[in-house]
Amino acid sequence: MVYIQELREGDHISQIYLCKQKVTGTTKSGKSYYSLKLQDKTGTLDAKVWELGNSIGHFEVNDYILTEGDVTLYNNALQFSIKRIRRADPGEYDQADYLPVSSLGTENMYKELMTLASKIEQPNLKALVNSFFVEDKEFITAFKAHSAAKSVHHNFIGGLLQHTLRVTQLCYFFCLQYPVLNKDLLLTAAMFHDVGKLKELSDFPENDYTDEGQLIGHIVIGYTMVKDRIEKLGGFPKKLETELLHCILAHQGQLEYGSPKKPSLIEAMALYYADDTDAKLEIMVEEFDKTPSMDFLGLNRFLGTNIRKTSKDK
């Protein structure tokens, strides 16, 4: 397997990649060509198919395709000029080579999350958490495998679990520093804050926005999932339900960020900052992982600033 991260200008390769994007364009001379985005677990690669002849077999987005061609440099970025393509047969590839996966280990992360869940003492909140994270096997399977985003941060298998774990860890730390916080409410809200992404984003390898995700969004989807389960369990104190649902609705902090409400409870404020902290730091980590450069990487539109790695000199 020749991974995308290993490719260099001048390489001639014959390799299977996952086709994540396929766009048909037209050259100035009127000839049709394909513009592709190929993927493996190490990253993505822009590719072009300039000659659409018999050597280019039929394929669609999210197909695994055997490609042959040359790696070139265009605008200071690698580009793959493809001469041959055919769909790969199922036995020719291992999906684990093509889909980005959390490096932290799914089962270890889930065990850590359950350790934090065990610190929730309020009976109704504990029952609600258990109904999803202990008893609902379908939910657990999906939660462990899902991403937390289409792009930007945590867009890998286990990304939703990793993000949820880190946000919950931060919230638990906040509780140790600020006793005014309702620990049970905040930990529960942290565990549920992004569950709507299970329906906002489709499963891998597609990992794209669903109609429900585009039209409703993960915050309201998650609110509905939790509210429906509360009603099913019964006996949940109304004020506690309202406070928990407020935390979910307000977890992105600002109306312009997509939150239907701004934080009014201290637990909602703590959740907002924990969520924002993990998202922004993960964006930087993922950007740094893409390059060994110690130079500034340019303006990052999600962070609104020019970023670079910290010097290793002491």
C-alpha atoms as a PDB file:
ATOM      1  CA  MET A   1       0.000   0.000   0.000  1.00  0.00           C
ATOM      2  CA  VAL A   2       1.383   3.401  -1.036  1.00  0.00           C
ATOM      3  CA  TYR A   3      -0.251   5.931   1.260  1.00  0.00           C
ATOM      4  CA  ILE A   4      -1.010   9.456   0.097  1.00  0.00           C
ATOM      5  CA  GLN A   5       1.196  10.899   2.834  1.00  0.00           C
ATOM      6  CA  GLU A   6       4.158   9.005   1.316  1.00  0.00           C
ATOM      7  CA  LEU A   7       3.740  10.280  -2.257  1.00  0.00           C
ATOM      8  CA  ARG A   8       6.362  12.510  -3.837  1.00  0.00           C
ATOM      9  CA  GLU A   9       6.597  14.440  -7.090  1.00  0.00           C
ATOM     10  CA  GLY A  10       7.666  12.165  -9.939  1.00  0.00           C
ATOM     11  CA  ASP A  11       6.222   8.945  -8.471  1.00  0.00           C
ATOM     12  CA  HIS A  12       4.530   6.558 -10.916  1.00  0.00           C
ATOM     13  CA  ILE A  13       2.003   4.497  -8.983  1.00  0.00           C
ATOM     14  CA  SER A  14      -0.679   1.876  -9.400  1.00  0.00           C
ATOM     15  CA  GLN A  15      -2.786   1.990  -6.264  1.00  0.00           C
ATOM     16  CA  ILE A  16      -6.340   1.659  -4.937  1.00  0.00           C
ATOM     17  CA  TYR A  17      -7.850   4.781  -3.374  1.00  0.00           C
ATOM     18  CA  LEU A  18     -11.291   5.821  -2.183  1.00  0.00           C
ATOM     19  CA  CYS A  19     -12.940   8.332  -4.523  1.00  0.00           C
ATOM     20  CA  LYS A  20     -14.403  11.074  -2.324  1.00  0.00           C
ATOM     21  CA  GLN A  21     -15.250  13.568  -5.053  1.00  0.00           C
ATOM     22  CA  LYS A  22     -15.817  13.415  -8.802  1.00  0.00           C
ATOM     23  CA  VAL A  23     -16.494  16.492 -10.912  1.00  0.00           C
ATOM     24  CA  THR A  24     -16.676  16.605 -14.709  1.00  0.00           C
ATOM     25  CA  GLY A  25     -15.109  19.692 -16.271  1.00  0.00           C
ATOM     26  CA  THR A  26     -14.386  21.020 -19.739  1.00  0.00           C
ATOM     27  CA  THR A  27     -11.043  22.301 -20.996  1.00  0.00           C
ATOM     28  CA  LYS A  28     -10.681  25.462 -23.067  1.00  0.00           C
ATOM     29  CA  SER A  29     -10.531  23.265 -26.154  1.00  0.00           C
ATOM     30  CA  GLY A  30     -13.893  21.666 -25.289  1.00  0.00           C
ATOM     31  CA  LYS A  31     -12.608  18.289 -24.032  1.00  0.00           C
ATOM     32  CA  SER A  32     -14.201  16.712 -20.958  1.00  0.00           C
ATOM     33  CA  TYR A  33     -12.075  15.694 -17.977  1.00  0.00           C
ATOM     34  CA  TYR A  34     -12.552  14.479 -14.396  1.00  0.00           C
ATOM     35  CA  SER A  35     -11.415  16.339 -11.294  1.00  0.00           C
ATOM     36  CA  LEU A  36     -11.202  13.899  -8.376  1.00  0.00           C
ATOM     37  CA  LYS A  37     -10.425  13.901  -4.693  1.00  0.00           C
ATOM     38  CA  LEU A  38      -8.902  10.609  -3.571  1.00  0.00           C
ATOM     39  CA  GLN A  39      -8.549   9.489   0.015  1.00  0.00           C
ATOM     40  CA  ASP A  40      -6.812   7.017   2.261  1.00  0.00           C
ATOM     41  CA  LYS A  41      -6.364   7.052   6.033  1.00  0.00           C
ATOM     42  CA  THR A  42      -3.396   9.441   5.777  1.00  0.00           C
ATOM     43  CA  GLY A  43      -5.154  12.205   3.857  1.00  0.00           C
ATOM     44  CA  THR A  44      -6.586  13.309   0.527  1.00  0.00           C
ATOM     45  CA  LEU A  45      -5.089  13.931  -2.916  1.00  0.00           C
ATOM     46  CA  ASP A  46      -6.328  16.025  -5.826  1.00  0.00           C
ATOM     47  CA  ALA A  47      -6.341  14.099  -9.085  1.00  0.00           C
ATOM     48  CA  LYS A  48      -7.112  14.785 -12.744  1.00  0.00           C
ATOM     49  CA  VAL A  49      -8.140  12.475 -15.568  1.00  0.00           C
ATOM     50  CA  TRP A  50      -7.433  14.408 -18.759  1.00  0.00           C
ATOM     51  CA  GLU A  51      -8.123  11.633 -21.274  1.00  0.00           C
ATOM     52  CA  LEU A  52     -11.523   9.926 -20.867  1.00  0.00           C
ATOM     53  CA  GLY A  53     -10.859   6.936 -23.089  1.00  0.00           C
ATOM     54  CA  ASN A  54     -11.334   3.168 -22.813  1.00  0.00           C
ATOM     55  CA  SER A  55      -8.697   2.964 -20.105  1.00  0.00           C
ATOM     56  CA  ILE A  56     -10.998   4.882 -17.737  1.00  0.00           C
ATOM     57  CA  GLY A  57     -13.681   2.541 -16.436  1.00  0.00           C
ATOM     58  CA  HIS A  58     -16.998   3.593 -14.934  1.00  0.00           C
ATOM     59  CA  PHE A  59     -16.942   4.578 -11.237  1.00  0.00           C
ATOM     60  CA  GLU A  60     -18.856   6.776  -8.816  1.00  0.00           C
ATOM     61  CA  VAL A  61     -18.172   8.776  -5.668  1.00  0.00           C
ATOM     62  CA  ASN A  62     -17.379   6.511  -2.671  1.00  0.00           C
ATOM     63  CA  ASP A  63     -16.160   3.719  -4.941  1.00  0.00           C
ATOM     64  CA  TYR A  64     -12.768   2.176  -4.308  1.00  0.00           C
ATOM     65  CA  ILE A  65     -10.852   2.547  -7.550  1.00  0.00           C
ATOM     66  CA  LEU A  66      -7.584   1.119  -8.865  1.00  0.00           C
ATOM     67  CA  THR A  67      -5.692   4.049 -10.341  1.00  0.00           C
ATOM     68  CA  GLU A  68      -2.491   4.272 -12.352  1.00  0.00           C
ATOM     69  CA  GLY A  69      -0.615   7.449 -13.216  1.00  0.00           C
ATOM     70  CA  ASP A  70       1.997  10.015 -12.245  1.00  0.00           C
ATOM     71  CA  VAL A  71       2.337  12.333  -9.275  1.00  0.00           C
ATOM     72  CA  THR A  72       3.070  15.912 -10.322  1.00  0.00           C
ATOM     73  CA  LEU A  73       3.376  19.275  -8.602  1.00  0.00           C
ATOM     74  CA  TYR A  74       0.808  21.984  -9.360  1.00  0.00           C
ATOM     75  CA  ASN A  75       0.632  25.303  -7.501  1.00  0.00           C
ATOM     76  CA  ASN A  76       3.012  23.892  -4.866  1.00  0.00           C
ATOM     77  CA  ALA A  77       0.677  20.960  -4.130  1.00  0.00           C
ATOM     78  CA  LEU A  78       0.822  17.347  -5.229  1.00  0.00           C
ATOM     79  CA  GLN A  79      -1.576  16.337  -7.989  1.00  0.00           C
ATOM     80  CA  PHE A  80      -2.185  12.876  -9.415  1.00  0.00           C
ATOM     81  CA  SER A  81      -2.463  12.656 -13.213  1.00  0.00           C
ATOM     82  CA  ILE A  82      -4.363   9.413 -13.827  1.00  0.00           C
ATOM     83  CA  LYS A  83      -4.077   7.319 -17.001  1.00  0.00           C
ATOM     84  CA  ARG A  84      -6.079   4.220 -15.990  1.00  0.00           C
ATOM     85  CA  ILE A  85      -9.009   3.533 -13.645  1.00  0.00           C
ATOM     86  CA  ARG A  86     -11.178   0.561 -12.796  1.00  0.00           C
ATOM     87  CA  ARG A  87     -13.441  -0.222  -9.878  1.00  0.00           C
ATOM     88  CA  ALA A  88     -11.673  -2.351  -7.284  1.00  0.00           C
ATOM     89  CA  ASP A  89     -13.214  -5.651  -6.241  1.00  0.00           C
ATOM     90  CA  PRO A  90     -14.155  -6.034  -2.528  1.00  0.00           C
ATOM     91  CA  GLY A  91     -11.349  -8.506  -1.805  1.00  0.00           C
ATOM     92  CA  GLU A  92      -8.687  -6.164  -3.190  1.00  0.00           C
ATOM     93  CA  TYR A  93      -8.740  -3.597  -0.391  1.00  0.00           C
ATOM     94  CA  ASP A  94      -9.150  -3.197   3.356  1.00  0.00           C
ATOM     95  CA  GLN A  95     -11.403  -0.308   4.392  1.00  0.00           C
ATOM     96  CA  ALA A  96      -9.164   0.341   7.391  1.00  0.00           C
ATOM     97  CA  ASP A  97      -6.493   1.612   4.957  1.00  0.00           C
ATOM     98  CA  TYR A  98      -8.781   4.286   3.545  1.00  0.00           C
ATOM     99  CA  LEU A  99     -10.824   5.760   6.347  1.00  0.00           C
ATOM    100  CA  PRO A 100      -9.220   8.009   8.978  1.00  0.00           C
ATOM    101  CA  VAL A 101      -9.486   6.522  12.463  1.00  0.00           C
ATOM    102  CA  SER A 102      -8.895   8.032  15.894  1.00  0.00           C
ATOM    103  CA  SER A 103      -5.436   7.173  17.171  1.00  0.00           C
ATOM    104  CA  LEU A 104      -6.687   6.880  20.749  1.00  0.00           C
ATOM    105  CA  GLY A 105      -8.455   3.508  20.449  1.00  0.00           C
ATOM    106  CA  THR A 106     -12.228   3.231  20.446  1.00  0.00           C
ATOM    107  CA  GLU A 107     -12.642   0.786  23.308  1.00  0.00           C
ATOM    108  CA  ASN A 108     -10.219   2.625  25.585  1.00  0.00           C
ATOM    109  CA  MET A 109     -11.995   5.922  24.936  1.00  0.00           C
ATOM    110  CA  TYR A 110     -15.403   4.411  25.586  1.00  0.00           C
ATOM    111  CA  LYS A 111     -14.163   2.899  28.845  1.00  0.00           C
ATOM    112  CA  GLU A 112     -12.891   6.335  29.948  1.00  0.00           C
ATOM    113  CA  LEU A 113     -16.222   7.904  29.032  1.00  0.00           C
ATOM    114  CA  MET A 114     -18.076   5.299  31.089  1.00  0.00           C
ATOM    115  CA  THR A 115     -15.789   6.040  34.043  1.00  0.00           C
ATOM    116  CA  LEU A 116     -16.892   9.670  33.863  1.00  0.00           C
ATOM    117  CA  ALA A 117     -20.522   8.571  33.461  1.00  0.00           C
ATOM    118  CA  SER A 118     -20.230   6.589  36.700  1.00  0.00           C
ATOM    119  CA  LYS A 119     -19.664   9.884  38.543  1.00  0.00           C
ATOM    120  CA  ILE A 120     -23.231  10.981  37.727  1.00  0.00           C
ATOM    121  CA  GLU A 121     -25.285  10.374  40.878  1.00  0.00           C
ATOM    122  CA  GLN A 122     -28.654  12.038  40.259  1.00  0.00           C
ATOM    123  CA  PRO A 123     -30.993   9.059  39.587  1.00  0.00           C
ATOM    124  CA  ASN A 124     -32.893  10.500  36.603  1.00  0.00           C
ATOM    125  CA  LEU A 125     -29.770  11.733  34.831  1.00  0.00           C
ATOM    126  CA  LYS A 126     -27.983   8.453  35.526  1.00  0.00           C
ATOM    127  CA  ALA A 127     -30.925   6.457  34.116  1.00  0.00           C
ATOM    128  CA  LEU A 128     -31.008   8.682  31.018  1.00  0.00           C
ATOM    129  CA  VAL A 129     -27.292   8.261  30.359  1.00  0.00           C
ATOM    130  CA  ASN A 130     -27.473   4.499  30.889  1.00  0.00           C
ATOM    131  CA  SER A 131     -30.460   4.196  28.558  1.00  0.00           C
ATOM    132  CA  PHE A 132     -28.250   5.421  25.707  1.00  0.00           C
ATOM    133  CA  PHE A 133     -24.652   4.581  26.589  1.00  0.00           C
ATOM    134  CA  VAL A 134     -25.152   1.238  28.368  1.00  0.00           C
ATOM    135  CA  GLU A 135     -28.428  -0.302  27.231  1.00  0.00           C
ATOM    136  CA  ASP A 136     -28.901   0.917  23.630  1.00  0.00           C
ATOM    137  CA  LYS A 137     -26.574  -1.361  21.635  1.00  0.00           C
ATOM    138  CA  GLU A 138     -27.480   0.182  18.277  1.00  0.00           C
ATOM    139  CA  PHE A 139     -26.703   3.653  19.621  1.00  0.00           C
ATOM    140  CA  ILE A 140     -23.396   2.484  21.139  1.00  0.00           C
ATOM    141  CA  THR A 141     -22.222   0.892  17.881  1.00  0.00           C
ATOM    142  CA  ALA A 142     -23.056   4.007  15.868  1.00  0.00           C
ATOM    143  CA  PHE A 143     -21.584   6.382  18.473  1.00  0.00           C
ATOM    144  CA  LYS A 144     -18.242   4.572  18.533  1.00  0.00           C
ATOM    145  CA  ALA A 145     -17.883   4.630  14.733  1.00  0.00           C
ATOM    146  CA  HIS A 146     -19.187   8.098  13.863  1.00  0.00           C
ATOM    147  CA  SER A 147     -17.303  11.263  13.026  1.00  0.00           C
ATOM    148  CA  ALA A 148     -17.944  14.608  14.698  1.00  0.00           C
ATOM    149  CA  ALA A 149     -17.837  16.609  11.468  1.00  0.00           C
ATOM    150  CA  LYS A 150     -17.702  16.394   7.696  1.00  0.00           C
ATOM    151  CA  SER A 151     -14.470  18.383   7.791  1.00  0.00           C
ATOM    152  CA  VAL A 152     -12.707  20.951  10.034  1.00  0.00           C
ATOM    153  CA  HIS A 153     -12.104  18.715  13.096  1.00  0.00           C
ATOM    154  CA  HIS A 154     -12.704  15.152  14.329  1.00  0.00           C
ATOM    155  CA  ASN A 155     -13.786  14.026  10.841  1.00  0.00           C
ATOM    156  CA  PHE A 156     -12.647  10.446  11.361  1.00  0.00           C
ATOM    157  CA  ILE A 157     -13.979   7.149  12.672  1.00  0.00           C
ATOM    158  CA  GLY A 158     -14.246   7.549  16.435  1.00  0.00           C
ATOM    159  CA  GLY A 159     -14.209  11.341  16.088  1.00  0.00           C
ATOM    160  CA  LEU A 160     -17.549  11.840  17.829  1.00  0.00           C
ATOM    161  CA  LEU A 161     -16.475   9.615  20.709  1.00  0.00           C
ATOM    162  CA  GLN A 162     -13.081  11.325  21.007  1.00  0.00           C
ATOM    163  CA  HIS A 163     -14.621  14.802  20.987  1.00  0.00           C
ATOM    164  CA  THR A 164     -17.324  13.818  23.486  1.00  0.00           C
ATOM    165  CA  LEU A 165     -14.755  12.251  25.806  1.00  0.00           C
ATOM    166  CA  ARG A 166     -12.509  15.313  25.779  1.00  0.00           C
ATOM    167  CA  VAL A 167     -15.396  17.719  26.305  1.00  0.00           C
ATOM    168  CA  THR A 168     -16.655  15.596  29.213  1.00  0.00           C
ATOM    169  CA  GLN A 169     -13.142  15.433  30.692  1.00  0.00           C
ATOM    170  CA  LEU A 170     -12.850  19.222  30.503  1.00  0.00           C
ATOM    171  CA  CYS A 171     -16.269  19.615  32.105  1.00  0.00           C
ATOM    172  CA  TYR A 172     -15.272  17.302  34.965  1.00  0.00           C
ATOM    173  CA  PHE A 173     -12.117  19.379  35.478  1.00  0.00           C
ATOM    174  CA  PHE A 174     -14.276  22.516  35.601  1.00  0.00           C
ATOM    175  CA  CYS A 175     -16.412  20.887  38.296  1.00  0.00           C
ATOM    176  CA  LEU A 176     -13.329  20.270  40.448  1.00  0.00           C
ATOM    177  CA  GLN A 177     -12.296  23.925  40.125  1.00  0.00           C
ATOM    178  CA  TYR A 178     -15.745  25.527  40.451  1.00  0.00           C
ATOM    179  CA  PRO A 179     -17.921  23.786  43.072  1.00  0.00           C
ATOM    180  CA  VAL A 180     -20.865  25.992  42.062  1.00  0.00           C
ATOM    181  CA  LEU A 181     -21.283  23.813  38.980  1.00  0.00           C
ATOM    182  CA  ASN A 182     -23.894  21.045  39.101  1.00  0.00           C
ATOM    183  CA  LYS A 183     -21.592  18.124  38.295  1.00  0.00           C
ATOM    184  CA  ASP A 184     -24.332  15.663  37.362  1.00  0.00           C
ATOM    185  CA  LEU A 185     -26.074  18.113  35.035  1.00  0.00           C
ATOM    186  CA  LEU A 186     -22.863  19.240  33.332  1.00  0.00           C
ATOM    187  CA  LEU A 187     -21.437  15.746  32.765  1.00  0.00           C
ATOM    188  CA  THR A 188     -24.765  14.568  31.366  1.00  0.00           C
ATOM    189  CA  ALA A 189     -25.010  17.573  29.058  1.00  0.00           C
ATOM    190  CA  ALA A 190     -21.424  17.017  27.884  1.00  0.00           C
ATOM    191  CA  MET A 191     -22.117  13.406  26.974  1.00  0.00           C
ATOM    192  CA  PHE A 192     -25.254  14.353  25.022  1.00  0.00           C
ATOM    193  CA  HIS A 193     -24.245  17.673  23.485  1.00  0.00           C
ATOM    194  CA  ASP A 194     -23.380  16.265  20.034  1.00  0.00           C
ATOM    195  CA  VAL A 195     -25.472  13.087  19.796  1.00  0.00           C
ATOM    196  CA  GLY A 196     -27.493  14.746  17.025  1.00  0.00           C
ATOM    197  CA  LYS A 197     -24.493  14.304  14.752  1.00  0.00           C
ATOM    198  CA  LEU A 198     -25.423  10.632  14.473  1.00  0.00           C
ATOM    199  CA  LYS A 199     -28.280  11.788  12.237  1.00  0.00           C
ATOM    200  CA  GLU A 200     -26.773  15.027  10.932  1.00  0.00           C
ATOM    201  CA  LEU A 201     -23.952  13.142   9.184  1.00  0.00           C
ATOM    202  CA  SER A 202     -24.124   9.918   7.196  1.00  0.00           C
ATOM    203  CA  ASP A 203     -21.949   6.911   7.967  1.00  0.00           C
ATOM    204  CA  PHE A 204     -18.520   6.343   6.461  1.00  0.00           C
ATOM    205  CA  PRO A 205     -17.286   6.250   3.763  1.00  0.00           C
ATOM    206  CA  GLU A 206     -19.721   9.003   2.740  1.00  0.00           C
ATOM    207  CA  ASN A 207     -19.566  11.079   5.962  1.00  0.00           C
ATOM    208  CA  ASP A 208     -21.652  13.872   4.465  1.00  0.00           C
ATOM    209  CA  TYR A 209     -24.619  15.942   5.598  1.00  0.00           C
ATOM    210  CA  THR A 210     -27.983  14.198   5.478  1.00  0.00           C
ATOM    211  CA  ASP A 211     -31.171  16.029   4.526  1.00  0.00           C
ATOM    212  CA  GLU A 212     -32.082  16.081   8.215  1.00  0.00           C
ATOM    213  CA  GLY A 213     -28.664  17.509   9.008  1.00  0.00           C
ATOM    214  CA  GLN A 214     -28.943  20.232   6.394  1.00  0.00           C
ATOM    215  CA  LEU A 215     -32.511  21.225   7.205  1.00  0.00           C
ATOM    216  CA  ILE A 216     -32.601  20.826  10.991  1.00  0.00           C
ATOM    217  CA  GLY A 217     -29.029  20.505  12.297  1.00  0.00           C
ATOM    218  CA  HIS A 218     -27.422  18.441  15.027  1.00  0.00           C
ATOM    219  CA  ILE A 219     -28.372  20.704  17.944  1.00  0.00           C
ATOM    220  CA  VAL A 220     -32.119  20.411  17.424  1.00  0.00           C
ATOM    221  CA  ILE A 221     -31.786  16.755  16.392  1.00  0.00           C
ATOM    222  CA  GLY A 222     -29.918  15.998  19.618  1.00  0.00           C
ATOM    223  CA  TYR A 223     -32.420  17.993  21.667  1.00  0.00           C
ATOM    224  CA  THR A 224     -35.228  15.902  20.166  1.00  0.00           C
ATOM    225  CA  MET A 225     -33.418  12.586  20.739  1.00  0.00           C
ATOM    226  CA  VAL A 226     -32.857  13.362  24.416  1.00  0.00           C
ATOM    227  CA  LYS A 227     -36.332  14.826  25.004  1.00  0.00           C
ATOM    228  CA  ASP A 228     -37.997  11.804  23.392  1.00  0.00           C
ATOM    229  CA  ARG A 229     -36.005   9.421  25.607  1.00  0.00           C
ATOM    230  CA  ILE A 230     -36.851  11.446  28.726  1.00  0.00           C
ATOM    231  CA  GLU A 231     -40.553  11.161  27.896  1.00  0.00           C
ATOM    232  CA  LYS A 232     -40.158   7.423  27.302  1.00  0.00           C
ATOM    233  CA  LEU A 233     -38.415   6.904  30.664  1.00  0.00           C
ATOM    234  CA  GLY A 234     -41.023   8.945  32.550  1.00  0.00           C
ATOM    235  CA  GLY A 235     -40.799  10.496  36.002  1.00  0.00           C
ATOM    236  CA  PHE A 236     -38.146  13.034  35.008  1.00  0.00           C
ATOM    237  CA  PRO A 237     -38.332  16.326  36.982  1.00  0.00           C
ATOM    238  CA  LYS A 238     -39.515  19.046  34.591  1.00  0.00           C
ATOM    239  CA  LYS A 239     -37.077  21.700  35.810  1.00  0.00           C
ATOM    240  CA  LEU A 240     -34.123  19.315  35.485  1.00  0.00           C
ATOM    241  CA  GLU A 241     -35.265  18.346  31.983  1.00  0.00           C
ATOM    242  CA  THR A 242     -35.471  21.995  30.953  1.00  0.00           C
ATOM    243  CA  GLU A 243     -32.009  22.746  32.313  1.00  0.00           C
ATOM    244  CA  LEU A 244     -30.451  19.780  30.535  1.00  0.00           C
ATOM    245  CA  LEU A 245     -32.129  20.615  27.230  1.00  0.00           C
ATOM    246  CA  HIS A 246     -31.033  24.255  27.582  1.00  0.00           C
ATOM    247  CA  CYS A 247     -27.404  23.114  27.889  1.00  0.00           C
ATOM    248  CA  ILE A 248     -27.736  21.116  24.679  1.00  0.00           C
ATOM    249  CA  LEU A 249     -29.414  23.979  22.820  1.00  0.00           C
ATOM    250  CA  ALA A 250     -26.847  26.545  23.999  1.00  0.00           C
ATOM    251  CA  HIS A 251     -23.648  24.505  23.686  1.00  0.00           C
ATOM    252  CA  GLN A 252     -22.282  26.435  20.706  1.00  0.00           C
ATOM    253  CA  GLY A 253     -22.525  29.633  22.680  1.00  0.00           C
ATOM    254  CA  GLN A 254     -23.606  32.192  20.102  1.00  0.00           C
ATOM    255  CA  LEU A 255     -26.656  32.514  17.881  1.00  0.00           C
ATOM    256  CA  GLU A 256     -24.402  33.088  14.860  1.00  0.00           C
ATOM    257  CA  TYR A 257     -22.649  29.770  15.594  1.00  0.00           C
ATOM    258  CA  GLY A 258     -25.935  27.893  15.325  1.00  0.00           C
ATOM    259  CA  SER A 259     -27.119  27.761  18.928  1.00  0.00           C
ATOM    260  CA  PRO A 260     -30.879  28.440  19.237  1.00  0.00           C
ATOM    261  CA  LYS A 261     -30.132  29.933  22.687  1.00  0.00           C
ATOM    262  CA  LYS A 262     -27.147  31.610  24.323  1.00  0.00           C
ATOM    263  CA  PRO A 263     -26.016  30.087  27.648  1.00  0.00           C
ATOM    264  CA  SER A 264     -28.089  31.262  30.619  1.00  0.00           C
ATOM    265  CA  LEU A 265     -26.950  28.621  33.116  1.00  0.00           C
ATOM    266  CA  ILE A 266     -23.394  28.336  34.388  1.00  0.00           C
ATOM    267  CA  GLU A 267     -23.340  24.693  33.296  1.00  0.00           C
ATOM    268  CA  ALA A 268     -24.314  25.724  29.753  1.00  0.00           C
ATOM    269  CA  MET A 269     -21.523  28.305  29.757  1.00  0.00           C
ATOM    270  CA  ALA A 270     -18.986  25.724  30.956  1.00  0.00           C
ATOM    271  CA  LEU A 271     -20.128  23.262  28.271  1.00  0.00           C
ATOM    272  CA  TYR A 272     -19.809  25.926  25.578  1.00  0.00           C
ATOM    273  CA  TYR A 273     -16.211  26.683  26.522  1.00  0.00           C
ATOM    274  CA  ALA A 274     -15.274  23.004  26.823  1.00  0.00           C
ATOM    275  CA  ASP A 275     -16.763  22.280  23.396  1.00  0.00           C
ATOM    276  CA  ASP A 276     -15.107  25.314  21.828  1.00  0.00           C
ATOM    277  CA  THR A 277     -11.727  24.531  23.427  1.00  0.00           C
ATOM    278  CA  ASP A 278     -11.575  20.971  22.134  1.00  0.00           C
ATOM    279  CA  ALA A 279     -12.769  21.957  18.660  1.00  0.00           C
ATOM    280  CA  LYS A 280     -10.207  24.741  18.237  1.00  0.00           C
ATOM    281  CA  LEU A 281      -7.257  22.819  19.664  1.00  0.00           C
ATOM    282  CA  GLU A 282      -8.113  19.793  17.504  1.00  0.00           C
ATOM    283  CA  ILE A 283      -8.196  22.020  14.412  1.00  0.00           C
ATOM    284  CA  MET A 284      -4.639  23.103  15.208  1.00  0.00           C
ATOM    285  CA  VAL A 285      -3.477  19.542  15.926  1.00  0.00           C
ATOM    286  CA  GLU A 286      -4.882  18.268  12.638  1.00  0.00           C
ATOM    287  CA  GLU A 287      -3.331  21.149  10.680  1.00  0.00           C
ATOM    288  CA  PHE A 288       0.065  20.534  12.287  1.00  0.00           C
ATOM    289  CA  ASP A 289      -0.165  16.812  11.503  1.00  0.00           C
ATOM    290  CA  LYS A 290      -0.384  17.606   7.795  1.00  0.00           C
ATOM    291  CA  THR A 291       3.074  19.145   7.551  1.00  0.00           C
ATOM    292  CA  PRO A 292       6.495  18.946   9.236  1.00  0.00           C
ATOM    293  CA  SER A 293       6.988  22.677   8.571  1.00  0.00           C
ATOM    294  CA  MET A 294       7.763  25.028  11.439  1.00  0.00           C
ATOM    295  CA  ASP A 295       6.693  27.998   9.318  1.00  0.00           C
ATOM    296  CA  PHE A 296       3.420  29.878   9.646  1.00  0.00           C
ATOM    297  CA  LEU A 297       0.736  27.943   7.765  1.00  0.00           C
ATOM    298  CA  GLY A 298      -1.334  30.913   6.639  1.00  0.00           C
ATOM    299  CA  LEU A 299      -4.673  32.258   7.769  1.00  0.00           C
ATOM    300  CA  ASN A 300      -6.940  29.527   9.104  1.00  0.00           C
ATOM    301  CA  ARG A 301     -10.488  30.650   8.369  1.00  0.00           C
ATOM    302  CA  PHE A 302     -11.973  28.669  11.250  1.00  0.00           C
ATOM    303  CA  LEU A 303      -9.575  30.148  13.796  1.00  0.00           C
ATOM    304  CA  GLY A 304      -9.266  33.596  12.207  1.00  0.00           C
ATOM    305  CA  THR A 305      -5.507  33.680  12.644  1.00  0.00           C
ATOM    306  CA  ASN A 306      -2.208  32.582  11.095  1.00  0.00           C
ATOM    307  CA  ILE A 307      -0.904  29.511  12.945  1.00  0.00           C
ATOM    308  CA  ARG A 308       2.380  27.654  13.292  1.00  0.00           C
ATOM    309  CA  LYS A 309       3.945  24.977  15.468  1.00  0.00           C
ATOM    310  CA  THR A 310       5.713  25.987  18.656  1.00  0.00           C
ATOM    311  CA  SER A 311       9.523  26.096  18.490  1.00  0.00           C
ATOM    312  CA  LYS A 312      11.262  23.070  20.026  1.00  0.00           C
ATOM    313  CA  ASP A 313      14.287  25.131  21.066  1.00  0.00           C
ATOM    314  CA  LYS A 314      14.779  25.456  24.813  1.00  0.00           C
END
